[in-house]
Amino acid sequence: EATRDSIFSKSFSEKLNVSFRLLEVDCVNEAQKNGETVEEAGRRIRYNFFSSLANTENSVVATAHNSNDNLETVVFNITRGSALSGAKGIPPKRDNIIRPLIFCTREEIEGYCKENNLSFVVDSTNLSDDYTRNRIRHNVLPELQKVNSNVVEAFTRFSESVRIDDDYLDSVAENALEKAKLSECSYNIEAINSLHLSIIRRVILKAIERFSKELPDSKKVNA
């Protein structure tokens, strides 16, 4: 199927007179070597490849994520006990990555393709429940649609609202961390503890990231 998809993509690119680049990697082997899931390895390799191509000034990487993808991401993150940042879903823009279809549903995109005689291929792994995202797509989404037929659009509004609030709280925490700074590697604990708990956690998270370059979980932040 990967060969089929690459041939399809190459042919489609040629029709549009767009240059085509292909990277072939054994993701299963890469995942085993790095202790990742196949999904994680595939994502890392894809984005590294995209970044290597978009290496000129003002160049961007445009991905085809849509509203359904966003809903699946939010549900997946919340199920894992994510903080507010996980409910933001997939951002329309991050650094030089843009997602021009993020406010379109999968049904709208497929409908547009059919109306305009645009052919497309479906990856058969999308039909399997072997992956968490697919289980959400096939089992959770239909149940949510019974509650609200416009649940995909509702999640889009929800994640956009969360994104705005989270960005604001993040900026407040950034300013608070700078105000509490005593030297390059020391901070006024009393100033930090006087803040709202929501901001305190974010300040601690930022401090840990700044000095250790790691992404700590909530248990470490609380400790």
N, C-alpha and C. Protein backbone atom coordinates (compact mmCIF):
# COMPACT_ATOMS: atom_id res chain seq x y z
N GLU A 1 0.82 -1.21 0.00
CA GLU A 1 0.00 0.00 0.00
C GLU A 1 0.86 1.27 0.00
N ALA A 2 1.98 1.23 0.72
CA ALA A 2 2.86 2.41 0.76
C ALA A 2 3.38 2.71 -0.64
N THR A 3 3.70 1.65 -1.39
CA THR A 3 4.15 1.82 -2.78
C THR A 3 3.02 2.41 -3.62
N ARG A 4 1.82 1.87 -3.44
CA ARG A 4 0.65 2.40 -4.17
C ARG A 4 0.45 3.88 -3.88
N ASP A 5 0.55 4.24 -2.60
CA ASP A 5 0.33 5.63 -2.20
C ASP A 5 1.40 6.56 -2.76
N SER A 6 2.64 6.08 -2.79
CA SER A 6 3.72 6.92 -3.32
C SER A 6 3.55 7.14 -4.83
N ILE A 7 3.12 6.09 -5.54
CA ILE A 7 2.87 6.22 -6.98
C ILE A 7 1.73 7.20 -7.24
N PHE A 8 0.66 7.08 -6.42
CA PHE A 8 -0.48 7.99 -6.55
C PHE A 8 -0.05 9.44 -6.31
N SER A 9 0.71 9.64 -5.24
CA SER A 9 1.15 11.00 -4.88
C SER A 9 2.07 11.59 -5.95
N LYS A 10 2.96 10.77 -6.46
CA LYS A 10 3.89 11.22 -7.50
C LYS A 10 3.11 11.61 -8.76
N SER A 11 2.16 10.79 -9.16
CA SER A 11 1.35 11.07 -10.35
C SER A 11 0.54 12.35 -10.16
N PHE A 12 -0.05 12.51 -8.98
CA PHE A 12 -0.87 13.69 -8.68
C PHE A 12 -0.01 14.96 -8.71
N SER A 13 1.20 14.85 -8.14
CA SER A 13 2.13 15.99 -8.13
C SER A 13 2.53 16.40 -9.54
N GLU A 14 2.78 15.40 -10.38
CA GLU A 14 3.18 15.68 -11.76
C GLU A 14 2.07 16.39 -12.53
N LYS A 15 0.81 16.00 -12.28
CA LYS A 15 -0.32 16.66 -12.93
C LYS A 15 -0.40 18.14 -12.56
N LEU A 16 0.00 18.44 -11.32
CA LEU A 16 -0.03 19.83 -10.83
C LEU A 16 1.28 20.56 -11.07
N ASN A 17 2.25 19.85 -11.67
CA ASN A 17 3.58 20.41 -11.92
C ASN A 17 4.25 20.82 -10.60
N VAL A 18 4.08 19.97 -9.58
CA VAL A 18 4.68 20.20 -8.26
C VAL A 18 5.78 19.17 -8.05
N SER A 19 6.94 19.60 -7.58
CA SER A 19 8.05 18.67 -7.37
C SER A 19 7.68 17.67 -6.27
N PHE A 20 8.13 16.45 -6.41
CA PHE A 20 7.77 15.35 -5.51
C PHE A 20 9.02 14.80 -4.83
N ARG A 21 8.95 14.57 -3.52
CA ARG A 21 10.05 13.99 -2.77
C ARG A 21 9.53 12.79 -1.99
N LEU A 22 10.31 11.72 -1.97
CA LEU A 22 9.90 10.51 -1.27
C LEU A 22 11.00 10.04 -0.32
N LEU A 23 10.62 9.74 0.91
CA LEU A 23 11.55 9.16 1.89
C LEU A 23 10.99 7.81 2.31
N GLU A 24 11.78 6.77 2.17
CA GLU A 24 11.35 5.42 2.56
C GLU A 24 12.14 4.98 3.79
N VAL A 25 11.44 4.65 4.87
CA VAL A 25 12.07 4.28 6.13
C VAL A 25 11.35 3.07 6.72
N ASP A 26 12.10 2.19 7.36
CA ASP A 26 11.51 1.06 8.08
C ASP A 26 11.12 1.56 9.48
N CYS A 27 9.87 2.02 9.60
CA CYS A 27 9.41 2.63 10.86
C CYS A 27 9.35 1.63 12.01
N VAL A 28 9.05 0.38 11.71
CA VAL A 28 8.98 -0.65 12.77
C VAL A 28 10.36 -0.82 13.40
N ASN A 29 11.38 -0.90 12.57
CA ASN A 29 12.74 -1.05 13.05
C ASN A 29 13.19 0.20 13.81
N GLU A 30 12.86 1.38 13.28
CA GLU A 30 13.22 2.64 13.94
C GLU A 30 12.56 2.74 15.31
N ALA A 31 11.30 2.32 15.39
CA ALA A 31 10.56 2.38 16.66
C ALA A 31 11.21 1.49 17.70
N GLN A 32 11.61 0.29 17.30
CA GLN A 32 12.25 -0.66 18.22
C GLN A 32 13.59 -0.13 18.72
N LYS A 33 14.34 0.49 17.82
CA LYS A 33 15.66 1.02 18.19
C LYS A 33 15.56 2.16 19.19
N ASN A 34 14.48 2.98 19.09
CA ASN A 34 14.35 4.16 19.93
C ASN A 34 13.32 4.02 21.05
N GLY A 35 12.78 2.81 21.22
CA GLY A 35 11.81 2.59 22.29
C GLY A 35 10.53 3.39 22.10
N GLU A 36 10.09 3.52 20.84
CA GLU A 36 8.88 4.28 20.53
C GLU A 36 7.81 3.35 19.99
N THR A 37 6.58 3.86 19.92
CA THR A 37 5.55 3.14 19.18
C THR A 37 5.80 3.42 17.70
N VAL A 38 5.23 2.60 16.84
CA VAL A 38 5.39 2.82 15.39
C VAL A 38 4.80 4.17 15.01
N GLU A 39 3.68 4.55 15.65
CA GLU A 39 3.06 5.85 15.37
C GLU A 39 4.00 7.00 15.71
N GLU A 40 4.64 6.91 16.89
CA GLU A 40 5.56 7.97 17.34
C GLU A 40 6.76 8.07 16.41
N ALA A 41 7.31 6.93 16.03
CA ALA A 41 8.47 6.91 15.13
C ALA A 41 8.10 7.50 13.78
N GLY A 42 6.95 7.11 13.26
CA GLY A 42 6.51 7.63 11.96
C GLY A 42 6.34 9.13 11.98
N ARG A 43 5.73 9.63 13.06
CA ARG A 43 5.50 11.08 13.17
C ARG A 43 6.83 11.83 13.24
N ARG A 44 7.75 11.34 14.08
CA ARG A 44 9.06 12.00 14.22
C ARG A 44 9.80 12.03 12.89
N ILE A 45 9.83 10.91 12.20
CA ILE A 45 10.54 10.81 10.93
C ILE A 45 9.91 11.72 9.88
N ARG A 46 8.57 11.72 9.82
CA ARG A 46 7.87 12.58 8.84
C ARG A 46 8.22 14.05 9.04
N TYR A 47 8.08 14.51 10.29
CA TYR A 47 8.30 15.94 10.52
C TYR A 47 9.76 16.34 10.34
N ASN A 48 10.67 15.45 10.70
CA ASN A 48 12.09 15.74 10.45
C ASN A 48 12.34 15.88 8.95
N PHE A 49 11.71 15.00 8.18
CA PHE A 49 11.85 15.04 6.72
C PHE A 49 11.25 16.32 6.15
N PHE A 50 10.04 16.66 6.62
CA PHE A 50 9.38 17.90 6.16
C PHE A 50 10.26 19.12 6.47
N SER A 51 10.82 19.14 7.68
CA SER A 51 11.65 20.28 8.09
C SER A 51 12.90 20.39 7.23
N SER A 52 13.46 19.25 6.83
CA SER A 52 14.66 19.28 5.99
C SER A 52 14.34 19.85 4.60
N LEU A 53 13.09 19.71 4.16
CA LEU A 53 12.70 20.24 2.85
C LEU A 53 12.32 21.72 2.95
N ALA A 54 11.71 22.09 4.08
CA ALA A 54 11.28 23.48 4.27
C ALA A 54 12.37 24.25 5.00
N ASN A 55 13.53 24.31 4.39
CA ASN A 55 14.70 24.89 5.07
C ASN A 55 15.08 26.27 4.54
N THR A 56 14.20 26.87 3.74
CA THR A 56 14.49 28.22 3.25
C THR A 56 13.61 29.23 3.98
N GLU A 57 14.01 30.48 3.96
CA GLU A 57 13.28 31.53 4.67
C GLU A 57 11.84 31.63 4.17
N ASN A 58 10.92 31.75 5.12
CA ASN A 58 9.48 31.90 4.84
C ASN A 58 8.82 30.64 4.26
N SER A 59 9.53 29.52 4.23
CA SER A 59 8.91 28.28 3.74
C SER A 59 8.08 27.67 4.87
N VAL A 60 7.01 26.97 4.50
CA VAL A 60 6.14 26.35 5.50
C VAL A 60 5.87 24.90 5.14
N VAL A 61 5.48 24.14 6.14
CA VAL A 61 5.03 22.76 5.96
C VAL A 61 3.51 22.78 6.16
N ALA A 62 2.76 22.38 5.13
CA ALA A 62 1.30 22.33 5.22
C ALA A 62 0.86 20.88 5.35
N THR A 63 0.16 20.56 6.44
CA THR A 63 -0.33 19.20 6.64
C THR A 63 -1.85 19.17 6.43
N ALA A 64 -2.39 17.97 6.26
CA ALA A 64 -3.80 17.82 5.91
C ALA A 64 -4.69 17.50 7.11
N HIS A 65 -4.25 17.80 8.33
CA HIS A 65 -5.08 17.54 9.50
C HIS A 65 -6.42 18.26 9.39
N ASN A 66 -7.48 17.58 9.81
CA ASN A 66 -8.82 18.17 9.75
C ASN A 66 -9.50 18.16 11.12
N SER A 67 -10.76 18.60 11.16
CA SER A 67 -11.49 18.71 12.43
C SER A 67 -11.66 17.36 13.12
N ASN A 68 -11.86 16.31 12.33
CA ASN A 68 -11.98 14.98 12.92
C ASN A 68 -10.69 14.56 13.62
N ASP A 69 -9.55 14.85 12.98
CA ASP A 69 -8.26 14.56 13.59
C ASP A 69 -8.13 15.29 14.92
N ASN A 70 -8.61 16.54 14.94
CA ASN A 70 -8.52 17.35 16.15
C ASN A 70 -9.35 16.72 17.27
N LEU A 71 -10.58 16.30 16.96
CA LEU A 71 -11.43 15.66 17.97
C LEU A 71 -10.75 14.41 18.53
N GLU A 72 -10.21 13.58 17.65
CA GLU A 72 -9.54 12.34 18.08
C GLU A 72 -8.37 12.66 19.01
N THR A 73 -7.63 13.72 18.69
CA THR A 73 -6.48 14.12 19.50
C THR A 73 -6.92 14.59 20.88
N VAL A 74 -7.96 15.42 20.92
CA VAL A 74 -8.46 15.94 22.21
C VAL A 74 -8.97 14.80 23.09
N VAL A 75 -9.78 13.91 22.51
CA VAL A 75 -10.31 12.77 23.28
C VAL A 75 -9.16 11.89 23.79
N PHE A 76 -8.18 11.64 22.93
CA PHE A 76 -7.03 10.81 23.31
C PHE A 76 -6.27 11.45 24.47
N ASN A 77 -6.01 12.75 24.38
CA ASN A 77 -5.25 13.45 25.42
C ASN A 77 -6.00 13.49 26.75
N ILE A 78 -7.31 13.78 26.69
CA ILE A 78 -8.11 13.85 27.91
C ILE A 78 -8.18 12.48 28.58
N THR A 79 -8.30 11.43 27.77
CA THR A 79 -8.37 10.07 28.31
C THR A 79 -7.09 9.70 29.06
N ARG A 80 -5.97 10.26 28.61
CA ARG A 80 -4.69 9.99 29.28
C ARG A 80 -4.47 10.88 30.50
N GLY A 81 -5.44 11.77 30.79
CA GLY A 81 -5.31 12.65 31.95
C GLY A 81 -4.46 13.87 31.69
N SER A 82 -4.53 14.36 30.47
CA SER A 82 -3.71 15.52 30.07
C SER A 82 -4.13 16.78 30.81
N ALA A 83 -3.20 17.71 30.93
CA ALA A 83 -3.51 19.04 31.45
C ALA A 83 -4.26 19.83 30.39
N LEU A 84 -4.52 21.10 30.67
CA LEU A 84 -5.30 21.94 29.76
C LEU A 84 -4.68 21.97 28.36
N SER A 85 -3.37 21.92 28.28
CA SER A 85 -2.69 21.99 26.98
C SER A 85 -3.12 20.86 26.05
N GLY A 86 -3.44 19.69 26.62
CA GLY A 86 -3.87 18.57 25.80
C GLY A 86 -5.22 18.77 25.17
N ALA A 87 -6.06 19.60 25.81
CA ALA A 87 -7.40 19.88 25.28
C ALA A 87 -7.36 20.92 24.17
N LYS A 88 -6.17 21.51 23.94
CA LYS A 88 -6.05 22.48 22.84
C LYS A 88 -6.13 21.80 21.49
N GLY A 89 -5.87 20.50 21.48
CA GLY A 89 -5.93 19.76 20.22
C GLY A 89 -4.78 20.13 19.29
N ILE A 90 -5.07 20.10 18.00
CA ILE A 90 -4.06 20.36 16.98
C ILE A 90 -4.12 21.84 16.59
N PRO A 91 -3.07 22.60 16.81
CA PRO A 91 -3.11 24.03 16.49
C PRO A 91 -3.12 24.30 14.98
N PRO A 92 -3.83 25.32 14.53
CA PRO A 92 -3.84 25.67 13.11
C PRO A 92 -2.44 26.05 12.60
N LYS A 93 -1.60 26.58 13.51
CA LYS A 93 -0.25 26.98 13.13
C LYS A 93 0.68 26.77 14.31
N ARG A 94 1.84 26.18 14.04
CA ARG A 94 2.88 26.03 15.06
C ARG A 94 4.22 26.16 14.38
N ASP A 95 4.97 27.20 14.77
CA ASP A 95 6.24 27.50 14.12
C ASP A 95 5.99 27.65 12.60
N ASN A 96 6.66 26.83 11.78
CA ASN A 96 6.45 26.97 10.33
C ASN A 96 5.51 25.88 9.78
N ILE A 97 4.74 25.26 10.70
CA ILE A 97 3.77 24.24 10.27
C ILE A 97 2.38 24.86 10.24
N ILE A 98 1.71 24.75 9.10
CA ILE A 98 0.35 25.27 8.97
C ILE A 98 -0.61 24.13 8.62
N ARG A 99 -1.86 24.29 9.04
CA ARG A 99 -2.87 23.24 8.80
C ARG A 99 -4.12 23.89 8.20
N PRO A 100 -4.11 24.12 6.89
CA PRO A 100 -5.19 24.87 6.24
C PRO A 100 -6.55 24.18 6.25
N LEU A 101 -6.58 22.86 6.56
CA LEU A 101 -7.86 22.14 6.55
C LEU A 101 -8.38 21.83 7.95
N ILE A 102 -7.75 22.40 8.98
CA ILE A 102 -8.08 22.02 10.36
C ILE A 102 -9.52 22.38 10.75
N PHE A 103 -10.14 23.33 10.07
CA PHE A 103 -11.53 23.69 10.39
C PHE A 103 -12.54 23.02 9.46
N CYS A 104 -12.07 22.08 8.64
CA CYS A 104 -12.95 21.31 7.76
C CYS A 104 -13.10 19.89 8.31
N THR A 105 -14.30 19.35 8.23
CA THR A 105 -14.50 17.97 8.67
C THR A 105 -14.02 17.02 7.57
N ARG A 106 -13.78 15.77 7.96
CA ARG A 106 -13.37 14.76 6.98
C ARG A 106 -14.46 14.57 5.92
N GLU A 107 -15.73 14.63 6.36
CA GLU A 107 -16.85 14.46 5.43
C GLU A 107 -16.88 15.60 4.40
N GLU A 108 -16.59 16.81 4.84
CA GLU A 108 -16.58 17.97 3.92
C GLU A 108 -15.46 17.81 2.88
N ILE A 109 -14.31 17.34 3.32
CA ILE A 109 -13.17 17.18 2.41
C ILE A 109 -13.46 16.09 1.38
N GLU A 110 -13.98 14.95 1.84
CA GLU A 110 -14.30 13.86 0.91
C GLU A 110 -15.41 14.28 -0.05
N GLY A 111 -16.38 15.05 0.47
CA GLY A 111 -17.47 15.55 -0.38
C GLY A 111 -16.94 16.47 -1.45
N TYR A 112 -15.99 17.33 -1.08
CA TYR A 112 -15.38 18.26 -2.05
C TYR A 112 -14.64 17.49 -3.13
N CYS A 113 -13.91 16.44 -2.71
CA CYS A 113 -13.17 15.62 -3.68
C CYS A 113 -14.12 14.96 -4.69
N LYS A 114 -15.22 14.45 -4.19
CA LYS A 114 -16.17 13.77 -5.07
C LYS A 114 -16.85 14.75 -6.02
N GLU A 115 -17.23 15.93 -5.50
CA GLU A 115 -17.88 16.94 -6.32
C GLU A 115 -16.97 17.44 -7.43
N ASN A 116 -15.66 17.47 -7.16
CA ASN A 116 -14.70 18.02 -8.13
C ASN A 116 -13.87 16.93 -8.81
N ASN A 117 -14.35 15.69 -8.71
CA ASN A 117 -13.68 14.56 -9.38
C ASN A 117 -12.20 14.45 -9.03
N LEU A 118 -11.90 14.66 -7.75
CA LEU A 118 -10.52 14.51 -7.27
C LEU A 118 -10.39 13.13 -6.65
N SER A 119 -9.51 12.31 -7.20
CA SER A 119 -9.34 10.97 -6.66
C SER A 119 -8.48 11.00 -5.40
N PHE A 120 -8.68 10.03 -4.53
CA PHE A 120 -7.87 9.93 -3.32
C PHE A 120 -7.77 8.46 -2.92
N VAL A 121 -6.80 8.15 -2.07
CA VAL A 121 -6.63 6.77 -1.61
C VAL A 121 -6.89 6.71 -0.11
N VAL A 122 -7.31 5.55 0.37
CA VAL A 122 -7.57 5.35 1.79
C VAL A 122 -6.60 4.29 2.31
N ASP A 123 -5.87 4.65 3.35
CA ASP A 123 -4.93 3.72 3.97
C ASP A 123 -5.74 2.68 4.75
N SER A 124 -5.54 1.40 4.46
CA SER A 124 -6.35 0.36 5.12
C SER A 124 -6.11 0.30 6.62
N THR A 125 -4.96 0.82 7.10
CA THR A 125 -4.74 0.82 8.56
C THR A 125 -5.74 1.74 9.25
N ASN A 126 -6.34 2.69 8.49
CA ASN A 126 -7.36 3.56 9.07
C ASN A 126 -8.64 2.80 9.39
N LEU A 127 -8.79 1.63 8.80
CA LEU A 127 -10.00 0.83 8.99
C LEU A 127 -9.85 -0.17 10.12
N SER A 128 -8.64 -0.31 10.65
CA SER A 128 -8.36 -1.28 11.71
C SER A 128 -8.45 -0.62 13.08
N ASP A 129 -8.78 -1.40 14.10
CA ASP A 129 -8.83 -0.89 15.46
C ASP A 129 -7.54 -1.18 16.23
N ASP A 130 -6.47 -1.45 15.50
CA ASP A 130 -5.19 -1.76 16.15
C ASP A 130 -4.56 -0.52 16.79
N TYR A 131 -4.93 0.65 16.31
CA TYR A 131 -4.36 1.90 16.82
C TYR A 131 -5.39 2.64 17.66
N THR A 132 -4.93 3.32 18.72
CA THR A 132 -5.82 4.03 19.63
C THR A 132 -6.69 5.04 18.90
N ARG A 133 -6.07 5.79 18.01
CA ARG A 133 -6.81 6.83 17.27
C ARG A 133 -7.96 6.21 16.47
N ASN A 134 -7.72 5.05 15.89
CA ASN A 134 -8.77 4.39 15.12
C ASN A 134 -9.92 3.90 16.01
N ARG A 135 -9.59 3.44 17.21
CA ARG A 135 -10.65 3.00 18.13
C ARG A 135 -11.54 4.17 18.51
N ILE A 136 -10.93 5.34 18.69
CA ILE A 136 -11.72 6.54 18.97
C ILE A 136 -12.59 6.88 17.77
N ARG A 137 -12.01 6.79 16.57
CA ARG A 137 -12.70 7.14 15.33
C ARG A 137 -13.90 6.21 15.08
N HIS A 138 -13.70 4.92 15.31
CA HIS A 138 -14.73 3.94 14.94
C HIS A 138 -15.74 3.67 16.04
N ASN A 139 -15.33 3.85 17.30
CA ASN A 139 -16.20 3.47 18.41
C ASN A 139 -16.69 4.64 19.26
N VAL A 140 -15.78 5.59 19.55
CA VAL A 140 -16.16 6.71 20.42
C VAL A 140 -16.92 7.79 19.65
N LEU A 141 -16.41 8.17 18.49
CA LEU A 141 -17.04 9.24 17.71
C LEU A 141 -18.50 8.94 17.37
N PRO A 142 -18.85 7.73 16.89
CA PRO A 142 -20.26 7.46 16.60
C PRO A 142 -21.17 7.62 17.81
N GLU A 143 -20.66 7.25 19.01
CA GLU A 143 -21.46 7.41 20.22
C GLU A 143 -21.63 8.89 20.57
N LEU A 144 -20.58 9.68 20.39
CA LEU A 144 -20.66 11.12 20.65
C LEU A 144 -21.63 11.80 19.68
N GLN A 145 -21.65 11.31 18.44
CA GLN A 145 -22.55 11.89 17.44
C GLN A 145 -24.01 11.59 17.74
N LYS A 146 -24.27 10.54 18.53
CA LYS A 146 -25.63 10.26 18.97
C LYS A 146 -26.09 11.32 19.97
N VAL A 147 -25.14 11.86 20.72
CA VAL A 147 -25.44 12.92 21.69
C VAL A 147 -25.58 14.26 20.98
N ASN A 148 -24.66 14.52 20.04
CA ASN A 148 -24.66 15.77 19.28
C ASN A 148 -24.18 15.46 17.86
N SER A 149 -25.05 15.59 16.90
CA SER A 149 -24.69 15.26 15.51
C SER A 149 -23.59 16.17 14.98
N ASN A 150 -23.42 17.34 15.59
CA ASN A 150 -22.38 18.29 15.17
C ASN A 150 -21.20 18.28 16.16
N VAL A 151 -20.92 17.10 16.72
CA VAL A 151 -19.90 17.01 17.77
C VAL A 151 -18.51 17.39 17.26
N VAL A 152 -18.20 17.12 15.99
CA VAL A 152 -16.88 17.47 15.45
C VAL A 152 -16.69 18.98 15.48
N GLU A 153 -17.70 19.72 15.01
CA GLU A 153 -17.65 21.18 15.03
C GLU A 153 -17.61 21.70 16.47
N ALA A 154 -18.34 21.02 17.38
CA ALA A 154 -18.36 21.43 18.78
C ALA A 154 -16.98 21.30 19.41
N PHE A 155 -16.27 20.21 19.10
CA PHE A 155 -14.92 20.01 19.62
C PHE A 155 -13.95 21.03 19.02
N THR A 156 -14.20 21.43 17.79
CA THR A 156 -13.36 22.46 17.16
C THR A 156 -13.47 23.77 17.93
N ARG A 157 -14.71 24.15 18.26
CA ARG A 157 -14.93 25.38 19.04
C ARG A 157 -14.32 25.25 20.43
N PHE A 158 -14.50 24.08 21.03
CA PHE A 158 -13.98 23.84 22.38
C PHE A 158 -12.45 23.98 22.42
N SER A 159 -11.77 23.29 21.52
CA SER A 159 -10.30 23.31 21.52
C SER A 159 -9.76 24.70 21.18
N GLU A 160 -10.48 25.43 20.33
CA GLU A 160 -10.05 26.79 19.99
C GLU A 160 -10.17 27.70 21.21
N SER A 161 -11.26 27.54 21.98
CA SER A 161 -11.46 28.32 23.19
C SER A 161 -10.39 28.00 24.23
N VAL A 162 -10.09 26.71 24.39
CA VAL A 162 -9.05 26.28 25.33
C VAL A 162 -7.70 26.83 24.92
N ARG A 163 -7.43 26.83 23.61
CA ARG A 163 -6.15 27.31 23.10
C ARG A 163 -5.93 28.78 23.45
N ILE A 164 -6.98 29.58 23.32
CA ILE A 164 -6.89 31.01 23.65
C ILE A 164 -6.60 31.20 25.13
N ASP A 165 -7.36 30.48 25.99
CA ASP A 165 -7.17 30.59 27.43
C ASP A 165 -5.80 30.10 27.87
N ASP A 166 -5.37 28.98 27.29
CA ASP A 166 -4.09 28.39 27.67
C ASP A 166 -2.93 29.31 27.26
N ASP A 167 -3.04 29.92 26.10
CA ASP A 167 -1.99 30.84 25.64
C ASP A 167 -1.88 32.04 26.59
N TYR A 168 -3.04 32.52 27.07
CA TYR A 168 -3.03 33.66 28.00
C TYR A 168 -2.37 33.26 29.32
N LEU A 169 -2.78 32.12 29.89
CA LEU A 169 -2.21 31.65 31.15
C LEU A 169 -0.71 31.40 31.00
N ASP A 170 -0.31 30.93 29.85
CA ASP A 170 1.09 30.67 29.59
C ASP A 170 1.90 31.97 29.61
N SER A 171 1.33 33.02 29.02
CA SER A 171 2.03 34.31 29.01
C SER A 171 2.11 34.91 30.42
N VAL A 172 1.06 34.71 31.23
CA VAL A 172 1.08 35.18 32.63
C VAL A 172 2.18 34.45 33.41
N ALA A 173 2.28 33.14 33.20
CA ALA A 173 3.31 32.34 33.89
C ALA A 173 4.71 32.76 33.47
N GLU A 174 4.88 33.05 32.20
CA GLU A 174 6.19 33.48 31.68
C GLU A 174 6.62 34.79 32.34
N ASN A 175 5.69 35.73 32.45
CA ASN A 175 5.98 37.02 33.10
C ASN A 175 6.26 36.83 34.59
N ALA A 176 5.50 35.95 35.24
CA ALA A 176 5.68 35.70 36.67
C ALA A 176 7.05 35.09 36.95
N LEU A 177 7.48 34.19 36.09
CA LEU A 177 8.79 33.56 36.25
C LEU A 177 9.90 34.59 36.14
N GLU A 178 9.77 35.50 35.19
CA GLU A 178 10.79 36.55 35.01
C GLU A 178 10.82 37.49 36.21
N LYS A 179 9.64 37.84 36.75
CA LYS A 179 9.57 38.75 37.91
C LYS A 179 10.17 38.11 39.16
N ALA A 180 10.05 36.77 39.26
CA ALA A 180 10.56 36.06 40.45
C ALA A 180 12.06 35.74 40.35
N LYS A 181 12.65 36.08 39.23
CA LYS A 181 14.05 35.74 38.98
C LYS A 181 14.98 36.57 39.85
N LEU A 182 15.89 35.90 40.58
CA LEU A 182 16.88 36.58 41.42
C LEU A 182 18.25 36.58 40.75
N SER A 183 18.55 35.49 40.06
CA SER A 183 19.80 35.39 39.31
C SER A 183 19.56 34.42 38.16
N GLU A 184 20.61 34.03 37.47
CA GLU A 184 20.46 33.14 36.31
C GLU A 184 19.82 31.81 36.67
N CYS A 185 20.04 31.34 37.90
CA CYS A 185 19.49 30.03 38.27
C CYS A 185 18.83 30.01 39.64
N SER A 186 18.33 31.15 40.09
CA SER A 186 17.60 31.16 41.37
C SER A 186 16.39 32.09 41.28
N TYR A 187 15.33 31.68 42.03
CA TYR A 187 14.05 32.40 41.98
C TYR A 187 13.50 32.63 43.38
N ASN A 188 12.70 33.66 43.52
CA ASN A 188 12.07 34.00 44.79
C ASN A 188 10.87 33.08 45.01
N ILE A 189 11.02 32.13 45.93
CA ILE A 189 9.96 31.14 46.18
C ILE A 189 8.70 31.80 46.74
N GLU A 190 8.87 32.80 47.61
CA GLU A 190 7.70 33.48 48.19
C GLU A 190 6.87 34.16 47.11
N ALA A 191 7.55 34.76 46.15
CA ALA A 191 6.84 35.44 45.06
C ALA A 191 6.06 34.42 44.22
N ILE A 192 6.68 33.27 44.00
CA ILE A 192 6.01 32.23 43.21
C ILE A 192 4.82 31.64 43.98
N ASN A 193 5.01 31.37 45.28
CA ASN A 193 3.94 30.77 46.08
C ASN A 193 2.76 31.70 46.33
N SER A 194 2.94 33.00 46.07
CA SER A 194 1.84 33.94 46.26
C SER A 194 0.89 33.96 45.06
N LEU A 195 1.29 33.27 44.01
CA LEU A 195 0.49 33.25 42.78
C LEU A 195 -0.65 32.23 42.88
N HIS A 196 -1.58 32.30 41.94
CA HIS A 196 -2.65 31.31 41.86
C HIS A 196 -2.04 29.95 41.53
N LEU A 197 -2.64 28.88 42.08
CA LEU A 197 -2.10 27.54 41.88
C LEU A 197 -1.92 27.19 40.40
N SER A 198 -2.85 27.64 39.57
CA SER A 198 -2.75 27.38 38.13
C SER A 198 -1.46 27.96 37.56
N ILE A 199 -1.10 29.16 38.01
CA ILE A 199 0.11 29.83 37.52
C ILE A 199 1.36 29.22 38.16
N ILE A 200 1.26 28.85 39.43
CA ILE A 200 2.41 28.23 40.11
C ILE A 200 2.87 26.99 39.35
N ARG A 201 1.92 26.14 39.00
CA ARG A 201 2.27 24.91 38.28
C ARG A 201 2.94 25.21 36.95
N ARG A 202 2.44 26.20 36.27
CA ARG A 202 3.02 26.56 34.98
C ARG A 202 4.42 27.14 35.14
N VAL A 203 4.61 27.94 36.19
CA VAL A 203 5.92 28.53 36.46
C VAL A 203 6.94 27.43 36.74
N ILE A 204 6.55 26.46 37.58
CA ILE A 204 7.45 25.35 37.91
C ILE A 204 7.77 24.54 36.66
N LEU A 205 6.75 24.30 35.84
CA LEU A 205 6.94 23.57 34.59
C LEU A 205 7.96 24.28 33.70
N LYS A 206 7.81 25.59 33.58
CA LYS A 206 8.73 26.37 32.74
C LYS A 206 10.14 26.36 33.30
N ALA A 207 10.26 26.43 34.63
CA ALA A 207 11.58 26.43 35.25
C ALA A 207 12.29 25.10 35.01
N ILE A 208 11.54 23.99 35.17
CA ILE A 208 12.14 22.67 34.94
C ILE A 208 12.57 22.53 33.48
N GLU A 209 11.71 22.96 32.56
CA GLU A 209 12.04 22.88 31.14
C GLU A 209 13.27 23.71 30.81
N ARG A 210 13.36 24.88 31.45
CA ARG A 210 14.46 25.81 31.17
C ARG A 210 15.81 25.24 31.59
N PHE A 211 15.85 24.52 32.72
CA PHE A 211 17.12 24.06 33.24
C PHE A 211 17.45 22.61 32.94
N SER A 212 16.43 21.80 32.64
CA SER A 212 16.71 20.39 32.41
C SER A 212 16.38 19.93 30.99
N LYS A 213 15.70 20.80 30.23
CA LYS A 213 15.32 20.49 28.84
C LYS A 213 14.41 19.26 28.73
N GLU A 214 13.72 18.93 29.82
CA GLU A 214 12.80 17.80 29.78
C GLU A 214 11.36 18.30 29.90
N LEU A 215 10.42 17.43 29.57
CA LEU A 215 9.01 17.75 29.73
C LEU A 215 8.47 16.93 30.90
N PRO A 216 8.47 17.49 32.11
CA PRO A 216 8.07 16.73 33.30
C PRO A 216 6.56 16.46 33.32
N ASP A 217 6.18 15.36 33.97
CA ASP A 217 4.74 15.07 34.09
C ASP A 217 4.20 15.78 35.33
N SER A 218 2.87 15.70 35.50
CA SER A 218 2.22 16.43 36.58
C SER A 218 2.69 15.98 37.97
N LYS A 219 3.04 14.69 38.12
CA LYS A 219 3.52 14.19 39.42
C LYS A 219 4.79 14.91 39.84
N LYS A 220 5.70 15.09 38.89
CA LYS A 220 6.97 15.76 39.20
C LYS A 220 6.73 17.23 39.52
N VAL A 221 5.83 17.87 38.77
CA VAL A 221 5.51 19.29 39.02
C VAL A 221 4.91 19.45 40.41
N ASN A 222 3.98 18.57 40.79
CA ASN A 222 3.35 18.65 42.10
C ASN A 222 4.36 18.41 43.22
N ALA A 223 5.29 17.48 42.99
CA ALA A 223 6.33 17.20 44.00
C ALA A 223 7.23 18.42 44.21
